[in-house]
């Protein structure tokens, strides 16, 4: 398998390995053209098995970009509206006064209902119907559109259930995103619900389990410590097979970059308008820059469900985290993908080290700079 790379990108990959990364895979698209596709390291720490371009990686919450895209597609088709109350489509969701929460509120993590049922087990997490019933019965923590409160698990089930209920063909959410999003944009190796036949291609996660999110806020209720976004849970075959709509994606960097190329191209794929200008503007409209009550700090997010920052990736033009009008999503442990519509550039950096240290210690900034050096 041939690589698309430069000496500077390869040097950045080696620096990442020296900084503690186990296996890394990087891809970038400029317009519809794949311009970077390279990799380094091991699929499992100490195994000697080398990462290739076909290695699959758990991408955690980068999955939310796929889930949001499915909702945008249904809005564009007239089956959903951003200002539509969730309960119009899903009546049970109106419990405990949640009747005025809209799709837009959910996408922006401003629904006021970020939590999942207390005591949710792994088995229950993998049961779509159980999770949807439980989330519908959850009381809100605040009125909608009054606070930022990220929903690590609930986001995917609420958005996914809206898509599922408005699909004329009544497919599962996983079937919908495969047929309506992933295949049309060319992200063939992005899996939401990993087939058993592909299990042997998946890199093994290693490293840290995530810290408890913002105990003074809603972190422990939105992301319970018994359901950690780390190796102990997301290495499990049954979790990878379930296709969790908030964090269950398993993909190659190339497929992930293809997904984000949709946003880098302002909704266009192979010269065809796949998402409208109105959808892209919805994604670029920022929610208020106030502290997020799940994380405990300011998190730039748009009203379309994508982030406006790529933490851990440097911006050589301005210093600090990459912003500059990007649309992005990160995943637990440091996975990141982003689109730069002003450049037409989409990048994905996937890895199998679970890292929750300071962003200044993350090794991916050098990779981002090397890609920018390539594309100018």
Protein backbone atom coordinates (compact mmCIF):
# COMPACT_ATOMS: atom_id res chain seq x y z
CA UNK A 1 0.00 0.00 0.00
CA UNK A 2 1.53 3.31 -1.07
CA UNK A 3 1.60 6.39 1.11
CA UNK A 4 0.84 10.01 0.30
CA UNK A 5 3.16 12.02 2.53
CA UNK A 6 6.11 14.39 2.84
CA UNK A 7 9.36 14.20 4.82
CA UNK A 8 8.04 16.81 7.26
CA UNK A 9 4.85 14.83 7.89
CA UNK A 10 6.88 11.65 8.44
CA UNK A 11 9.16 13.48 10.87
CA UNK A 12 6.08 14.71 12.74
CA UNK A 13 4.76 11.15 12.98
CA UNK A 14 8.06 9.96 14.43
CA UNK A 15 7.95 12.83 16.93
CA UNK A 16 4.47 11.69 17.95
CA UNK A 17 5.75 8.16 18.57
CA UNK A 18 8.66 9.54 20.58
CA UNK A 19 6.16 11.52 22.67
CA UNK A 20 4.30 8.35 23.63
CA UNK A 21 1.93 7.57 20.78
CA UNK A 22 1.55 3.86 19.97
CA UNK A 23 -0.01 3.91 16.51
CA UNK A 24 -1.06 6.90 14.41
CA UNK A 25 -2.83 7.26 11.08
CA UNK A 26 -3.20 10.57 9.24
CA UNK A 27 -5.12 11.58 6.13
CA UNK A 28 -6.01 14.85 4.45
CA UNK A 29 -8.17 15.85 1.50
CA UNK A 30 -7.77 19.07 -0.47
CA UNK A 31 -11.02 19.49 -2.30
CA UNK A 32 -12.00 16.02 -3.49
CA UNK A 33 -8.38 14.87 -3.76
CA UNK A 34 -6.66 12.77 -1.11
CA UNK A 35 -3.30 14.50 -0.55
CA UNK A 36 -2.09 12.79 2.65
CA UNK A 37 -2.51 9.16 3.65
CA UNK A 38 0.18 7.85 5.97
CA UNK A 39 0.70 5.97 9.22
CA UNK A 40 3.24 4.87 11.81
CA UNK A 41 3.59 2.72 14.91
CA UNK A 42 1.91 -0.40 16.23
CA UNK A 43 -1.67 -1.59 16.30
CA UNK A 44 -1.17 -2.77 19.89
CA UNK A 45 1.51 -1.60 22.32
CA UNK A 46 4.53 -3.90 22.21
CA UNK A 47 2.98 -6.29 19.70
CA UNK A 48 5.24 -5.51 16.78
CA UNK A 49 2.15 -5.49 14.52
CA UNK A 50 2.45 -2.40 12.35
CA UNK A 51 -0.29 0.09 11.58
CA UNK A 52 -1.18 0.21 7.87
CA UNK A 53 -3.49 2.36 5.82
CA UNK A 54 -6.21 -0.24 6.37
CA UNK A 55 -6.01 -0.26 10.18
CA UNK A 56 -9.26 0.81 11.83
CA UNK A 57 -9.33 3.00 14.95
CA UNK A 58 -12.13 3.78 17.42
CA UNK A 59 -12.89 7.47 16.87
CA UNK A 60 -15.07 8.16 19.91
CA UNK A 61 -16.99 11.46 19.63
CA UNK A 62 -15.77 12.22 16.13
CA UNK A 63 -18.80 9.98 15.50
CA UNK A 64 -21.01 12.92 16.48
CA UNK A 65 -20.07 14.67 13.25
CA UNK A 66 -21.54 11.75 11.32
CA UNK A 67 -24.67 11.73 13.45
CA UNK A 68 -25.13 15.48 13.00
CA UNK A 69 -24.66 15.09 9.24
CA UNK A 70 -27.54 12.62 9.11
CA UNK A 71 -29.79 15.17 10.83
CA UNK A 72 -28.69 17.92 8.45
CA UNK A 73 -29.59 15.69 5.53
CA UNK A 74 -33.09 15.16 6.94
CA UNK A 75 -33.49 18.90 7.44
CA UNK A 76 -32.46 19.52 3.86
CA UNK A 77 -35.01 16.94 2.71
CA UNK A 78 -37.77 18.67 4.66
CA UNK A 79 -38.27 15.80 7.09
CA UNK A 80 -36.91 17.75 10.06
CA UNK A 81 -36.49 21.44 10.97
CA UNK A 82 -33.85 22.96 13.19
CA UNK A 83 -36.54 24.83 15.15
CA UNK A 84 -38.76 21.74 15.43
CA UNK A 85 -39.46 20.46 18.93
CA UNK A 86 -38.08 16.97 19.40
CA UNK A 87 -41.43 15.94 20.87
CA UNK A 88 -43.23 16.69 17.59
CA UNK A 89 -41.45 13.68 16.12
CA UNK A 90 -40.94 11.73 19.34
CA UNK A 91 -43.90 12.43 21.68
CA UNK A 92 -42.49 10.52 24.67
CA UNK A 93 -39.58 12.96 24.78
CA UNK A 94 -41.91 15.66 26.12
CA UNK A 95 -41.84 14.14 29.62
CA UNK A 96 -40.90 16.47 32.51
CA UNK A 97 -41.41 19.62 30.46
CA UNK A 98 -39.01 18.83 27.63
CA UNK A 99 -41.65 19.69 25.02
CA UNK A 100 -39.93 22.91 23.86
CA UNK A 101 -36.46 21.42 23.25
CA UNK A 102 -35.68 21.65 19.54
CA UNK A 103 -33.30 19.83 17.23
CA UNK A 104 -31.13 22.95 17.13
CA UNK A 105 -30.86 22.96 20.93
CA UNK A 106 -29.73 19.34 20.90
CA UNK A 107 -27.18 19.87 18.12
CA UNK A 108 -25.65 22.83 19.97
CA UNK A 109 -25.64 20.99 23.32
CA UNK A 110 -28.02 23.63 24.70
CA UNK A 111 -31.05 21.40 25.27
CA UNK A 112 -30.83 21.65 29.04
CA UNK A 113 -31.16 17.85 29.08
CA UNK A 114 -27.64 16.40 28.78
CA UNK A 115 -27.97 13.47 31.18
CA UNK A 116 -28.67 9.76 30.79
CA UNK A 117 -30.40 7.51 33.34
CA UNK A 118 -28.45 6.97 36.55
CA UNK A 119 -26.99 3.49 36.83
CA UNK A 120 -27.07 2.77 33.09
CA UNK A 121 -25.17 -0.48 32.51
CA UNK A 122 -23.04 -1.39 29.52
CA UNK A 123 -25.74 -3.79 28.34
CA UNK A 124 -28.37 -1.05 28.57
CA UNK A 125 -26.09 1.41 26.77
CA UNK A 126 -25.96 -1.00 23.84
CA UNK A 127 -29.77 -1.32 23.73
CA UNK A 128 -31.11 1.45 21.47
CA UNK A 129 -34.73 1.13 22.57
CA UNK A 130 -33.82 1.08 26.27
CA UNK A 131 -31.60 4.15 25.94
CA UNK A 132 -34.19 6.12 24.01
CA UNK A 133 -36.91 5.31 26.55
CA UNK A 134 -34.59 6.21 29.40
CA UNK A 135 -33.49 9.51 27.87
CA UNK A 136 -37.10 10.43 27.08
CA UNK A 137 -37.94 9.93 30.76
CA UNK A 138 -34.99 12.00 32.04
CA UNK A 139 -35.88 15.35 33.62
CA UNK A 140 -34.03 18.39 32.27
CA UNK A 141 -31.47 20.24 34.36
CA UNK A 142 -32.32 23.66 32.87
CA UNK A 143 -34.69 25.27 30.36
CA UNK A 144 -33.56 24.90 26.74
CA UNK A 145 -31.16 27.43 25.24
CA UNK A 146 -30.17 28.84 28.64
CA UNK A 147 -26.85 27.06 29.19
CA UNK A 148 -24.15 25.12 27.42
CA UNK A 149 -24.11 21.52 28.66
CA UNK A 150 -22.43 18.96 26.43
CA UNK A 151 -24.20 15.61 26.16
CA UNK A 152 -21.51 12.93 25.62
CA UNK A 153 -23.93 10.01 25.30
CA UNK A 154 -27.43 11.47 25.02
CA UNK A 155 -26.73 13.61 21.94
CA UNK A 156 -26.39 10.63 19.63
CA UNK A 157 -29.51 8.85 20.78
CA UNK A 158 -31.71 11.95 20.54
CA UNK A 159 -30.42 13.01 17.11
CA UNK A 160 -30.31 9.43 15.89
CA UNK A 161 -33.86 8.70 17.01
CA UNK A 162 -35.13 11.79 15.19
CA UNK A 163 -33.41 10.61 12.02
CA UNK A 164 -34.71 7.07 12.45
CA UNK A 165 -38.29 8.22 13.03
CA UNK A 166 -38.26 10.46 9.95
CA UNK A 167 -36.67 7.94 7.59
CA UNK A 168 -39.28 6.97 5.01
CA UNK A 169 -37.70 3.51 4.73
CA UNK A 170 -37.75 2.92 8.53
CA UNK A 171 -34.16 1.74 8.68
CA UNK A 172 -32.02 1.57 11.77
CA UNK A 173 -29.89 4.65 12.32
CA UNK A 174 -26.78 2.65 11.48
CA UNK A 175 -28.30 1.51 8.18
CA UNK A 176 -29.36 5.07 7.39
CA UNK A 177 -25.92 6.62 7.84
CA UNK A 178 -24.26 3.86 5.82
CA UNK A 179 -26.59 4.29 2.84
CA UNK A 180 -27.33 8.00 2.97
CA UNK A 181 -24.08 9.56 4.24
CA UNK A 182 -21.02 7.32 4.31
CA UNK A 183 -21.34 5.67 0.91
CA UNK A 184 -22.31 8.85 -0.98
CA UNK A 185 -19.36 10.85 0.42
CA UNK A 186 -16.88 8.02 -0.16
CA UNK A 187 -16.24 7.27 3.52
CA UNK A 188 -16.54 3.53 2.90
CA UNK A 189 -14.25 2.51 5.77
CA UNK A 190 -16.10 4.46 8.46
CA UNK A 191 -18.19 1.93 10.37
CA UNK A 192 -21.04 2.66 12.75
CA UNK A 193 -21.68 -0.89 13.85
CA UNK A 194 -18.48 -2.79 13.07
CA UNK A 195 -19.07 -6.04 11.14
CA UNK A 196 -17.50 -9.11 12.76
CA UNK A 197 -15.53 -9.65 9.56
CA UNK A 198 -13.63 -6.38 10.14
CA UNK A 199 -12.82 -6.92 13.82
CA UNK A 200 -9.27 -8.11 13.13
CA UNK A 201 -8.37 -4.77 11.54
CA UNK A 202 -9.04 -2.70 14.67
CA UNK A 203 -6.16 -1.19 16.63
CA UNK A 204 -6.15 -1.91 20.36
CA UNK A 205 -6.60 1.12 22.59
CA UNK A 206 -4.09 1.58 25.38
CA UNK A 207 -3.35 4.23 27.97
CA UNK A 208 -5.43 6.25 30.39
CA UNK A 209 -9.06 6.06 31.36
CA UNK A 210 -10.74 9.47 31.27
CA UNK A 211 -10.97 11.62 34.39
CA UNK A 212 -14.33 12.41 35.96
CA UNK A 213 -15.96 15.28 34.09
CA UNK A 214 -16.71 18.46 36.06
CA UNK A 215 -18.08 16.99 39.32
CA UNK A 216 -19.51 20.38 40.29
CA UNK A 217 -21.58 20.42 37.11
CA UNK A 218 -23.41 17.74 35.15
CA UNK A 219 -20.40 15.71 33.97
CA UNK A 220 -20.97 12.60 36.11
CA UNK A 221 -24.66 12.46 35.12
CA UNK A 222 -24.02 13.04 31.43
CA UNK A 223 -20.94 10.81 31.20
CA UNK A 224 -21.10 8.32 34.09
CA UNK A 225 -17.74 6.99 35.33
CA UNK A 226 -19.05 3.42 34.90
CA UNK A 227 -19.27 4.08 31.13
CA UNK A 228 -15.81 5.55 30.48
CA UNK A 229 -14.69 6.80 27.09
CA UNK A 230 -11.51 4.76 27.28
CA UNK A 231 -9.84 1.42 26.54
CA UNK A 232 -11.73 -0.65 29.12
CA UNK A 233 -15.07 -0.08 27.36
CA UNK A 234 -14.24 0.82 23.78
CA UNK A 235 -11.95 -2.15 23.12
CA UNK A 236 -14.92 -4.46 23.70
CA UNK A 237 -16.13 -6.15 20.49
CA UNK A 238 -19.76 -5.78 21.51
CA UNK A 239 -19.34 -2.01 21.95
CA UNK A 240 -17.68 -1.63 18.56
CA UNK A 241 -20.40 -3.76 16.96
CA UNK A 242 -23.26 -1.79 18.52
CA UNK A 243 -22.75 1.43 16.57
CA UNK A 244 -23.26 3.86 19.45
CA UNK A 245 -24.46 7.07 17.79
CA UNK A 246 -22.39 9.42 19.95
CA UNK A 247 -19.05 7.61 20.11
CA UNK A 248 -19.17 4.20 18.45
CA UNK A 249 -17.50 4.91 15.12
CA UNK A 250 -14.56 2.79 13.98
CA UNK A 251 -12.73 4.10 10.93
CA UNK A 252 -9.61 4.76 8.94
CA UNK A 253 -8.18 8.25 8.79
CA UNK A 254 -8.84 8.30 5.04
CA UNK A 255 -12.55 7.59 5.51
CA UNK A 256 -12.78 10.16 8.30
CA UNK A 257 -11.10 12.81 6.16
CA UNK A 258 -13.56 11.98 3.38
CA UNK A 259 -16.46 12.67 5.75
CA UNK A 260 -14.99 16.01 6.80
CA UNK A 261 -14.21 16.88 3.17
CA UNK A 262 -17.97 17.34 2.85
CA UNK A 263 -17.68 20.33 5.20
CA UNK A 264 -14.37 21.54 3.80
CA UNK A 265 -16.11 21.66 0.41
CA UNK A 266 -19.02 23.68 1.84
CA UNK A 267 -21.39 20.79 1.29
CA UNK A 268 -20.12 19.66 -2.11
CA UNK A 269 -18.96 16.14 -2.98
CA UNK A 270 -17.46 15.38 -6.40
CA UNK A 271 -18.89 18.60 -7.76
CA UNK A 272 -22.41 17.90 -6.51
CA UNK A 273 -24.13 19.86 -3.74
CA UNK A 274 -24.79 17.27 -1.01
CA UNK A 275 -25.53 19.70 1.84
CA UNK A 276 -26.93 23.17 1.19
CA UNK A 277 -25.30 26.50 1.97
CA UNK A 278 -27.94 26.98 4.68
CA UNK A 279 -26.80 23.79 6.42
CA UNK A 280 -23.15 24.86 6.33
CA UNK A 281 -24.06 28.27 7.75
CA UNK A 282 -26.03 26.55 10.52
CA UNK A 283 -22.87 24.63 11.40
CA UNK A 284 -20.73 27.78 11.37
CA UNK A 285 -23.07 29.77 13.63
CA UNK A 286 -21.52 29.72 17.12
CA UNK A 287 -23.37 29.06 20.33
CA UNK A 288 -22.65 31.50 23.19
CA UNK A 289 -19.05 31.40 24.42
CA UNK A 290 -19.95 30.56 28.00
CA UNK A 291 -18.52 27.80 30.21
CA UNK A 292 -19.93 24.38 29.41
CA UNK A 293 -21.60 22.90 32.50
CA UNK A 294 -20.61 19.34 31.59
CA UNK A 295 -16.93 20.10 30.99
CA UNK A 296 -16.45 23.11 33.25
CA UNK A 297 -14.78 25.33 30.66
CA UNK A 298 -15.56 27.22 27.45
CA UNK A 299 -16.00 24.90 24.48
CA UNK A 300 -16.57 26.55 21.07
CA UNK A 301 -19.42 24.64 19.42
CA UNK A 302 -21.77 25.59 16.60
CA UNK A 303 -25.52 25.25 16.26
CA UNK A 304 -24.98 22.43 13.77
CA UNK A 305 -23.26 20.08 16.21
CA UNK A 306 -19.67 20.57 15.05
CA UNK A 307 -16.94 22.26 17.05
CA UNK A 308 -15.14 25.47 16.12
CA UNK A 309 -11.78 24.43 17.55
CA UNK A 310 -9.39 21.51 17.08
CA UNK A 311 -7.78 21.08 20.52
CA UNK A 312 -4.20 19.89 20.46
CA UNK A 313 -3.63 20.94 16.85
CA UNK A 314 -1.51 24.04 16.44
CA UNK A 315 -2.15 26.88 14.06
CA UNK A 316 1.18 28.14 12.80
CA UNK A 317 -0.39 31.35 11.55
CA UNK A 318 -1.82 32.47 14.87
CA UNK A 319 -0.47 30.21 17.59
CA UNK A 320 -2.54 28.15 20.02
CA UNK A 321 -5.40 25.86 19.10
CA UNK A 322 -6.56 25.74 15.50
CA UNK A 323 -9.72 27.80 14.98
CA UNK A 324 -9.91 30.09 11.91
CA UNK A 325 -13.49 29.23 10.97
CA UNK A 326 -13.01 25.48 11.10
CA UNK A 327 -15.63 22.78 11.60
CA UNK A 328 -14.32 19.92 13.67
CA UNK A 329 -14.89 17.25 16.23
CA UNK A 330 -12.57 15.59 18.68
CA UNK A 331 -12.85 12.23 20.35
CA UNK A 332 -11.89 11.07 23.82
CA UNK A 333 -8.19 10.51 24.24
CA UNK A 334 -7.09 12.93 21.54
CA UNK A 335 -8.53 11.75 18.22
CA UNK A 336 -9.34 14.75 16.03
CA UNK A 337 -10.76 15.59 12.60
CA UNK A 338 -11.46 18.97 11.11
CA UNK A 339 -12.49 20.87 7.99
CA UNK A 340 -11.20 24.26 6.87
CA UNK A 341 -13.79 25.55 4.39
CA UNK A 342 -11.69 28.59 3.50
CA UNK A 343 -8.91 26.26 2.29
CA UNK A 344 -11.00 23.32 1.16
CA UNK A 345 -8.90 21.18 3.50
CA UNK A 346 -10.06 18.23 5.62
CA UNK A 347 -7.76 16.38 8.04
CA UNK A 348 -8.13 13.34 10.30
CA UNK A 349 -5.60 12.18 12.89
CA UNK A 350 -6.49 8.85 14.50
CA UNK A 351 -4.55 6.93 17.13
CA UNK A 352 -4.79 4.19 19.73
CA UNK A 353 -3.26 5.95 22.75
CA UNK A 354 -5.86 7.19 25.20
CA UNK A 355 -4.37 10.48 26.46
CA UNK A 356 -6.02 13.02 28.75
CA UNK A 357 -3.03 15.17 29.66
CA UNK A 358 -2.57 18.88 28.94
CA UNK A 359 -3.18 19.91 25.34
CA UNK A 360 0.30 21.44 25.31
CA UNK A 361 1.69 17.90 25.66
CA UNK A 362 -0.37 16.48 22.80
CA UNK A 363 1.91 15.59 19.87
CA UNK A 364 -0.41 16.34 16.97
CA UNK A 365 0.30 20.05 16.53
CA UNK A 366 3.43 19.28 14.54
CA UNK A 367 1.42 17.02 12.23
CA UNK A 368 -1.13 19.77 11.62
CA UNK A 369 1.62 22.26 10.81
CA UNK A 370 3.27 19.80 8.42
CA UNK A 371 0.00 19.36 6.52
CA UNK A 372 -0.49 23.12 6.32
CA UNK A 373 3.06 23.38 4.99
CA UNK A 374 2.15 20.92 2.23
CA UNK A 375 -1.05 22.61 1.09
CA UNK A 376 0.11 26.21 1.58
